[in-house]
Amino acid sequence: MMLTMKNLFKKKGMIGKIAGVFMMILTLTACGAQPLPEQFDEETVKAEAQKAVDYFNDQDYQSIIDMGSDSFQEILTAENFASQSDPYHEKCGAFQEIAKTIVLGNVDQETQESFGGVVMVGRYEEGTIQFTIAFDEDMKLVQFIIR
């Protein structure tokens, strides 16, 4: 489930639709697991993604938003994040460990902007949560999807 899709369409009109489509495109292209573009440092991408997951586990959604690009920050609120994320916490229980991390990248063919990201699988007491996290070239968060 995409973290913000329902609320984007309801609350932010055209900005939400554009951002939602952008996030879906990133997700679909990430499935091809393209290599990390050269302007990204793999360890930095992993560390920043881990920081976002740590904030998620602490239910500190505002800190995740603060990591984001301007457009990411414009379309999200901590309340929206909570309404989408808290059910995962309730269902899966306490965090135990990151079981798997895959680093990937993407280059937008239209703008030539590069994105770096990870897919992380977190193991929790009662299940797993998959995080798909992406950053722009300035290492600003542009995508945070949980499933």
N, C-alpha and C. Protein backbone atom coordinates (compact mmCIF):
# COMPACT_ATOMS: atom_id res chain seq x y z
N MET A 1 0.85 -1.18 0.00
CA MET A 1 0.00 0.00 0.00
C MET A 1 0.88 1.23 0.00
N MET A 2 0.59 2.18 -0.83
CA MET A 2 1.36 3.40 -0.90
C MET A 2 0.97 4.28 0.27
N LEU A 3 1.93 4.79 0.97
CA LEU A 3 1.73 5.48 2.22
C LEU A 3 0.74 6.62 2.14
N THR A 4 0.71 7.39 1.07
CA THR A 4 -0.08 8.61 1.07
C THR A 4 -1.07 8.72 -0.07
N MET A 5 -1.19 7.73 -0.91
CA MET A 5 -1.95 7.86 -2.14
C MET A 5 -3.39 8.32 -1.93
N LYS A 6 -4.14 7.68 -1.04
CA LYS A 6 -5.55 8.05 -0.86
C LYS A 6 -5.70 9.50 -0.43
N ASN A 7 -4.91 9.90 0.54
CA ASN A 7 -5.04 11.25 1.05
C ASN A 7 -4.51 12.30 0.09
N LEU A 8 -3.53 11.93 -0.73
CA LEU A 8 -3.03 12.89 -1.72
C LEU A 8 -4.14 13.31 -2.65
N PHE A 9 -4.89 12.34 -3.17
CA PHE A 9 -5.95 12.65 -4.12
C PHE A 9 -7.05 13.46 -3.47
N LYS A 10 -7.38 13.16 -2.23
CA LYS A 10 -8.47 13.86 -1.55
C LYS A 10 -8.10 15.27 -1.16
N LYS A 11 -6.91 15.46 -0.61
CA LYS A 11 -6.58 16.72 0.04
C LYS A 11 -5.84 17.72 -0.82
N LYS A 12 -5.07 17.26 -1.77
CA LYS A 12 -4.17 18.20 -2.45
C LYS A 12 -4.45 18.37 -3.93
N GLY A 13 -5.53 17.82 -4.42
CA GLY A 13 -5.91 18.05 -5.81
C GLY A 13 -4.82 17.70 -6.79
N MET A 14 -4.51 18.63 -7.67
CA MET A 14 -3.57 18.38 -8.75
C MET A 14 -2.16 18.10 -8.24
N ILE A 15 -1.70 18.81 -7.22
CA ILE A 15 -0.36 18.54 -6.68
C ILE A 15 -0.28 17.10 -6.22
N GLY A 16 -1.31 16.65 -5.54
CA GLY A 16 -1.35 15.28 -5.05
C GLY A 16 -1.34 14.28 -6.17
N LYS A 17 -2.10 14.55 -7.22
CA LYS A 17 -2.14 13.62 -8.35
C LYS A 17 -0.79 13.53 -9.04
N ILE A 18 -0.15 14.68 -9.23
CA ILE A 18 1.17 14.69 -9.87
C ILE A 18 2.17 13.94 -9.01
N ALA A 19 2.18 14.23 -7.72
CA ALA A 19 3.10 13.55 -6.82
C ALA A 19 2.82 12.06 -6.75
N GLY A 20 1.56 11.70 -6.74
CA GLY A 20 1.19 10.29 -6.71
C GLY A 20 1.65 9.55 -7.94
N VAL A 21 1.47 10.15 -9.09
CA VAL A 21 1.93 9.54 -10.34
C VAL A 21 3.45 9.42 -10.34
N PHE A 22 4.14 10.46 -9.88
CA PHE A 22 5.59 10.45 -9.79
C PHE A 22 6.05 9.30 -8.91
N MET A 23 5.40 9.12 -7.76
CA MET A 23 5.78 8.04 -6.85
C MET A 23 5.52 6.67 -7.46
N MET A 24 4.41 6.55 -8.17
CA MET A 24 4.12 5.26 -8.81
C MET A 24 5.15 4.95 -9.88
N ILE A 25 5.56 5.96 -10.65
CA ILE A 25 6.56 5.74 -11.69
C ILE A 25 7.87 5.28 -11.06
N LEU A 26 8.25 5.93 -9.96
CA LEU A 26 9.47 5.51 -9.28
C LEU A 26 9.36 4.07 -8.79
N THR A 27 8.22 3.72 -8.25
CA THR A 27 8.02 2.36 -7.75
C THR A 27 8.09 1.35 -8.88
N LEU A 28 7.44 1.64 -9.97
CA LEU A 28 7.44 0.70 -11.09
C LEU A 28 8.82 0.55 -11.70
N THR A 29 9.55 1.64 -11.82
CA THR A 29 10.88 1.53 -12.40
C THR A 29 11.84 0.89 -11.42
N ALA A 30 11.58 1.03 -10.11
CA ALA A 30 12.44 0.39 -9.12
C ALA A 30 12.35 -1.12 -9.21
N CYS A 31 11.24 -1.64 -9.70
CA CYS A 31 11.09 -3.08 -9.82
C CYS A 31 12.14 -3.68 -10.75
N GLY A 32 12.64 -2.87 -11.67
CA GLY A 32 13.70 -3.33 -12.55
C GLY A 32 15.06 -3.33 -11.88
N ALA A 33 15.16 -2.82 -10.68
CA ALA A 33 16.38 -2.80 -9.88
C ALA A 33 17.58 -2.29 -10.67
N GLN A 34 17.47 -1.09 -11.18
CA GLN A 34 18.57 -0.47 -11.90
C GLN A 34 19.68 -0.14 -10.90
N PRO A 35 20.91 -0.11 -11.35
CA PRO A 35 22.01 0.19 -10.42
C PRO A 35 21.94 1.63 -9.91
N LEU A 36 22.58 1.84 -8.79
CA LEU A 36 22.63 3.17 -8.18
C LEU A 36 23.43 4.11 -9.09
N PRO A 37 22.85 5.27 -9.46
CA PRO A 37 23.59 6.22 -10.30
C PRO A 37 24.89 6.65 -9.62
N GLU A 38 25.89 6.99 -10.41
CA GLU A 38 27.24 7.26 -9.90
C GLU A 38 27.32 8.44 -8.94
N GLN A 39 26.37 9.39 -9.01
CA GLN A 39 26.46 10.54 -8.11
C GLN A 39 26.01 10.22 -6.68
N PHE A 40 25.58 8.98 -6.44
CA PHE A 40 25.15 8.57 -5.11
C PHE A 40 26.20 7.67 -4.47
N ASP A 41 26.39 7.84 -3.17
CA ASP A 41 27.24 6.98 -2.39
C ASP A 41 26.36 5.92 -1.73
N GLU A 42 26.63 4.66 -1.98
CA GLU A 42 25.79 3.57 -1.50
C GLU A 42 25.63 3.59 0.03
N GLU A 43 26.71 3.82 0.74
CA GLU A 43 26.63 3.82 2.21
C GLU A 43 25.79 4.99 2.73
N THR A 44 25.88 6.12 2.07
CA THR A 44 25.08 7.28 2.48
C THR A 44 23.59 7.01 2.24
N VAL A 45 23.27 6.45 1.09
CA VAL A 45 21.87 6.12 0.78
C VAL A 45 21.34 5.13 1.81
N LYS A 46 22.10 4.09 2.11
CA LYS A 46 21.67 3.12 3.12
C LYS A 46 21.47 3.77 4.49
N ALA A 47 22.42 4.61 4.89
CA ALA A 47 22.35 5.25 6.20
C ALA A 47 21.15 6.18 6.31
N GLU A 48 20.89 6.96 5.27
CA GLU A 48 19.74 7.87 5.30
C GLU A 48 18.42 7.09 5.28
N ALA A 49 18.38 6.01 4.53
CA ALA A 49 17.18 5.17 4.52
C ALA A 49 16.97 4.55 5.89
N GLN A 50 18.04 4.09 6.51
CA GLN A 50 17.93 3.50 7.86
C GLN A 50 17.43 4.54 8.84
N LYS A 51 17.88 5.79 8.69
CA LYS A 51 17.41 6.87 9.56
C LYS A 51 15.90 7.05 9.42
N ALA A 52 15.40 7.01 8.18
CA ALA A 52 13.96 7.15 7.94
C ALA A 52 13.19 5.98 8.56
N VAL A 53 13.72 4.76 8.43
CA VAL A 53 13.07 3.60 9.04
C VAL A 53 13.08 3.72 10.56
N ASP A 54 14.18 4.20 11.12
CA ASP A 54 14.25 4.41 12.58
C ASP A 54 13.19 5.41 13.03
N TYR A 55 13.02 6.50 12.28
CA TYR A 55 11.97 7.47 12.61
C TYR A 55 10.59 6.81 12.52
N PHE A 56 10.39 5.98 11.50
CA PHE A 56 9.13 5.26 11.36
C PHE A 56 8.90 4.39 12.60
N ASN A 57 9.90 3.64 13.00
CA ASN A 57 9.77 2.75 14.15
C ASN A 57 9.51 3.51 15.44
N ASP A 58 10.03 4.73 15.53
CA ASP A 58 9.78 5.59 16.70
C ASP A 58 8.48 6.37 16.57
N GLN A 59 7.79 6.18 15.46
CA GLN A 59 6.56 6.91 15.13
C GLN A 59 6.80 8.42 15.12
N ASP A 60 7.99 8.81 14.70
CA ASP A 60 8.38 10.21 14.58
C ASP A 60 8.22 10.62 13.12
N TYR A 61 6.97 10.74 12.70
CA TYR A 61 6.66 10.97 11.29
C TYR A 61 7.09 12.36 10.82
N GLN A 62 7.08 13.33 11.70
CA GLN A 62 7.50 14.68 11.30
C GLN A 62 8.97 14.67 10.88
N SER A 63 9.79 13.88 11.55
CA SER A 63 11.21 13.81 11.17
C SER A 63 11.38 13.20 9.79
N ILE A 64 10.54 12.23 9.43
CA ILE A 64 10.59 11.68 8.07
C ILE A 64 10.24 12.78 7.07
N ILE A 65 9.17 13.51 7.36
CA ILE A 65 8.76 14.60 6.47
C ILE A 65 9.88 15.64 6.34
N ASP A 66 10.54 15.95 7.45
CA ASP A 66 11.62 16.94 7.43
C ASP A 66 12.81 16.50 6.58
N MET A 67 12.95 15.20 6.36
CA MET A 67 14.01 14.69 5.48
C MET A 67 13.67 14.91 4.01
N GLY A 68 12.44 15.27 3.72
CA GLY A 68 11.94 15.29 2.36
C GLY A 68 12.27 16.52 1.55
N SER A 69 12.08 16.36 0.26
CA SER A 69 12.19 17.47 -0.68
C SER A 69 11.05 18.46 -0.40
N ASP A 70 11.11 19.63 -1.00
CA ASP A 70 10.06 20.62 -0.80
C ASP A 70 8.70 20.07 -1.19
N SER A 71 8.62 19.40 -2.34
CA SER A 71 7.32 18.88 -2.77
C SER A 71 6.84 17.77 -1.85
N PHE A 72 7.74 16.96 -1.35
CA PHE A 72 7.38 15.90 -0.40
C PHE A 72 6.78 16.53 0.86
N GLN A 73 7.42 17.59 1.34
CA GLN A 73 6.94 18.26 2.55
C GLN A 73 5.61 18.98 2.33
N GLU A 74 5.39 19.46 1.12
CA GLU A 74 4.14 20.18 0.83
C GLU A 74 2.92 19.27 0.83
N ILE A 75 3.10 18.00 0.47
CA ILE A 75 1.94 17.13 0.31
C ILE A 75 1.66 16.23 1.51
N LEU A 76 2.56 16.21 2.48
CA LEU A 76 2.39 15.30 3.62
C LEU A 76 2.26 16.04 4.93
N THR A 77 1.53 15.42 5.84
CA THR A 77 1.45 15.90 7.22
C THR A 77 1.77 14.72 8.14
N ALA A 78 2.19 15.03 9.35
CA ALA A 78 2.47 13.98 10.33
C ALA A 78 1.20 13.19 10.63
N GLU A 79 0.07 13.88 10.63
CA GLU A 79 -1.21 13.19 10.90
C GLU A 79 -1.53 12.20 9.79
N ASN A 80 -1.29 12.59 8.55
CA ASN A 80 -1.51 11.70 7.42
C ASN A 80 -0.59 10.49 7.51
N PHE A 81 0.66 10.73 7.81
CA PHE A 81 1.63 9.65 7.97
C PHE A 81 1.15 8.69 9.06
N ALA A 82 0.72 9.25 10.19
CA ALA A 82 0.27 8.42 11.32
C ALA A 82 -0.92 7.56 10.93
N SER A 83 -1.88 8.15 10.23
CA SER A 83 -3.08 7.39 9.88
C SER A 83 -2.76 6.23 8.95
N GLN A 84 -1.73 6.36 8.13
CA GLN A 84 -1.33 5.29 7.22
C GLN A 84 -0.35 4.30 7.86
N SER A 85 0.45 4.77 8.81
CA SER A 85 1.53 3.95 9.37
C SER A 85 1.15 3.21 10.64
N ASP A 86 0.36 3.84 11.49
CA ASP A 86 0.05 3.23 12.78
C ASP A 86 -0.58 1.84 12.66
N PRO A 87 -1.44 1.60 11.66
CA PRO A 87 -1.96 0.22 11.53
C PRO A 87 -0.87 -0.83 11.32
N TYR A 88 0.21 -0.46 10.64
CA TYR A 88 1.33 -1.39 10.47
C TYR A 88 1.99 -1.68 11.81
N HIS A 89 2.16 -0.63 12.62
CA HIS A 89 2.74 -0.83 13.95
C HIS A 89 1.86 -1.75 14.79
N GLU A 90 0.56 -1.50 14.74
CA GLU A 90 -0.37 -2.31 15.53
C GLU A 90 -0.36 -3.77 15.08
N LYS A 91 -0.32 -3.99 13.77
CA LYS A 91 -0.37 -5.35 13.23
C LYS A 91 0.95 -6.10 13.43
N CYS A 92 2.07 -5.42 13.22
CA CYS A 92 3.37 -6.11 13.18
C CYS A 92 4.13 -6.11 14.50
N GLY A 93 3.77 -5.24 15.42
CA GLY A 93 4.45 -5.23 16.72
C GLY A 93 5.79 -4.52 16.68
N ALA A 94 6.64 -4.88 17.63
CA ALA A 94 7.91 -4.20 17.82
C ALA A 94 8.93 -4.59 16.75
N PHE A 95 9.73 -3.62 16.37
CA PHE A 95 10.80 -3.83 15.39
C PHE A 95 11.87 -4.73 15.98
N GLN A 96 12.40 -5.64 15.13
CA GLN A 96 13.50 -6.50 15.54
C GLN A 96 14.78 -6.21 14.77
N GLU A 97 14.68 -6.23 13.42
CA GLU A 97 15.88 -6.01 12.62
C GLU A 97 15.51 -5.76 11.16
N ILE A 98 16.48 -5.22 10.43
CA ILE A 98 16.36 -5.15 8.98
C ILE A 98 16.90 -6.47 8.45
N ALA A 99 16.04 -7.22 7.77
CA ALA A 99 16.40 -8.55 7.29
C ALA A 99 17.07 -8.51 5.92
N LYS A 100 16.75 -7.49 5.13
CA LYS A 100 17.29 -7.44 3.77
C LYS A 100 17.30 -6.00 3.28
N THR A 101 18.34 -5.64 2.55
CA THR A 101 18.45 -4.31 1.95
C THR A 101 18.94 -4.46 0.52
N ILE A 102 18.22 -3.85 -0.41
CA ILE A 102 18.62 -3.82 -1.81
C ILE A 102 18.75 -2.35 -2.22
N VAL A 103 19.89 -1.99 -2.75
CA VAL A 103 20.14 -0.62 -3.21
C VAL A 103 19.83 -0.57 -4.70
N LEU A 104 19.16 0.49 -5.11
CA LEU A 104 18.78 0.63 -6.51
C LEU A 104 18.75 2.09 -6.91
N GLY A 105 18.59 2.33 -8.19
CA GLY A 105 18.55 3.69 -8.69
C GLY A 105 17.63 3.82 -9.87
N ASN A 106 17.48 5.07 -10.30
CA ASN A 106 16.64 5.36 -11.45
C ASN A 106 17.06 6.71 -12.01
N VAL A 107 16.93 6.87 -13.31
CA VAL A 107 17.15 8.15 -13.97
C VAL A 107 15.87 8.48 -14.73
N ASP A 108 15.28 9.63 -14.40
CA ASP A 108 14.08 10.08 -15.10
C ASP A 108 14.47 10.41 -16.54
N GLN A 109 13.89 9.70 -17.49
CA GLN A 109 14.26 9.87 -18.89
C GLN A 109 13.90 11.24 -19.44
N GLU A 110 12.90 11.87 -18.86
CA GLU A 110 12.48 13.18 -19.34
C GLU A 110 13.36 14.30 -18.80
N THR A 111 13.65 14.28 -17.50
CA THR A 111 14.40 15.37 -16.88
C THR A 111 15.87 15.04 -16.68
N GLN A 112 16.22 13.77 -16.82
CA GLN A 112 17.58 13.27 -16.57
C GLN A 112 17.98 13.38 -15.09
N GLU A 113 17.03 13.63 -14.22
CA GLU A 113 17.33 13.67 -12.79
C GLU A 113 17.51 12.24 -12.29
N SER A 114 18.52 12.05 -11.45
CA SER A 114 18.82 10.73 -10.90
C SER A 114 18.22 10.58 -9.51
N PHE A 115 17.86 9.35 -9.20
CA PHE A 115 17.32 9.01 -7.89
C PHE A 115 18.04 7.78 -7.37
N GLY A 116 18.31 7.79 -6.08
CA GLY A 116 18.90 6.63 -5.44
C GLY A 116 17.97 6.15 -4.35
N GLY A 117 17.96 4.86 -4.13
CA GLY A 117 17.05 4.38 -3.10
C GLY A 117 17.37 2.98 -2.65
N VAL A 118 16.51 2.50 -1.76
CA VAL A 118 16.64 1.16 -1.23
C VAL A 118 15.26 0.54 -1.07
N VAL A 119 15.27 -0.77 -1.09
CA VAL A 119 14.13 -1.54 -0.62
C VAL A 119 14.66 -2.27 0.60
N MET A 120 14.02 -2.05 1.74
CA MET A 120 14.43 -2.69 2.99
C MET A 120 13.27 -3.52 3.51
N VAL A 121 13.58 -4.69 4.02
CA VAL A 121 12.57 -5.52 4.65
C VAL A 121 12.88 -5.55 6.14
N GLY A 122 11.93 -5.03 6.91
CA GLY A 122 12.08 -5.02 8.36
C GLY A 122 11.34 -6.19 8.98
N ARG A 123 12.01 -6.86 9.90
CA ARG A 123 11.38 -7.96 10.62
C ARG A 123 10.85 -7.40 11.94
N TYR A 124 9.59 -7.72 12.22
CA TYR A 124 8.90 -7.27 13.42
C TYR A 124 8.40 -8.49 14.18
N GLU A 125 7.95 -8.30 15.41
CA GLU A 125 7.49 -9.42 16.23
C GLU A 125 6.43 -10.28 15.53
N GLU A 126 5.52 -9.64 14.82
CA GLU A 126 4.38 -10.34 14.24
C GLU A 126 4.32 -10.26 12.72
N GLY A 127 5.45 -10.00 12.07
CA GLY A 127 5.43 -9.94 10.62
C GLY A 127 6.58 -9.14 10.05
N THR A 128 6.43 -8.76 8.79
CA THR A 128 7.46 -7.96 8.13
C THR A 128 6.82 -6.73 7.48
N ILE A 129 7.62 -5.71 7.32
CA ILE A 129 7.22 -4.51 6.59
C ILE A 129 8.30 -4.23 5.56
N GLN A 130 7.86 -4.00 4.33
CA GLN A 130 8.80 -3.64 3.26
C GLN A 130 8.76 -2.13 3.08
N PHE A 131 9.93 -1.52 3.06
CA PHE A 131 10.07 -0.08 2.85
C PHE A 131 10.71 0.15 1.49
N THR A 132 10.12 1.01 0.69
CA THR A 132 10.73 1.46 -0.56
C THR A 132 10.98 2.95 -0.38
N ILE A 133 12.25 3.32 -0.37
CA ILE A 133 12.66 4.67 0.00
C ILE A 133 13.55 5.22 -1.11
N ALA A 134 13.29 6.45 -1.55
CA ALA A 134 14.09 7.05 -2.62
C ALA A 134 14.47 8.48 -2.27
N PHE A 135 15.64 8.87 -2.80
CA PHE A 135 16.19 10.21 -2.58
C PHE A 135 16.53 10.84 -3.91
N ASP A 136 16.44 12.18 -3.93
CA ASP A 136 16.88 12.90 -5.12
C ASP A 136 18.39 13.12 -5.03
N GLU A 137 18.95 13.83 -6.00
CA GLU A 137 20.41 14.04 -6.05
C GLU A 137 20.93 14.84 -4.87
N ASP A 138 20.06 15.60 -4.20
CA ASP A 138 20.45 16.37 -3.02
C ASP A 138 20.24 15.57 -1.74
N MET A 139 19.93 14.28 -1.89
CA MET A 139 19.66 13.38 -0.77
C MET A 139 18.46 13.83 0.06
N LYS A 140 17.49 14.41 -0.63
CA LYS A 140 16.21 14.74 -0.01
C LYS A 140 15.25 13.60 -0.31
N LEU A 141 14.50 13.20 0.68
CA LEU A 141 13.56 12.10 0.54
C LEU A 141 12.45 12.48 -0.44
N VAL A 142 12.21 11.62 -1.43
CA VAL A 142 11.14 11.86 -2.40
C VAL A 142 10.11 10.73 -2.39
N GLN A 143 10.43 9.64 -1.69
CA GLN A 143 9.51 8.50 -1.66
C GLN A 143 9.71 7.72 -0.38
N PHE A 144 8.59 7.37 0.26
CA PHE A 144 8.61 6.49 1.44
C PHE A 144 7.35 5.67 1.38
N ILE A 145 7.48 4.43 0.93
CA ILE A 145 6.33 3.55 0.75
C ILE A 145 6.49 2.36 1.67
N ILE A 146 5.40 1.99 2.32
CA ILE A 146 5.41 0.80 3.18
C ILE A 146 4.39 -0.20 2.65
N ARG A 147 4.73 -1.47 2.78
CA ARG A 147 3.83 -2.56 2.39
C ARG A 147 3.95 -3.66 3.41
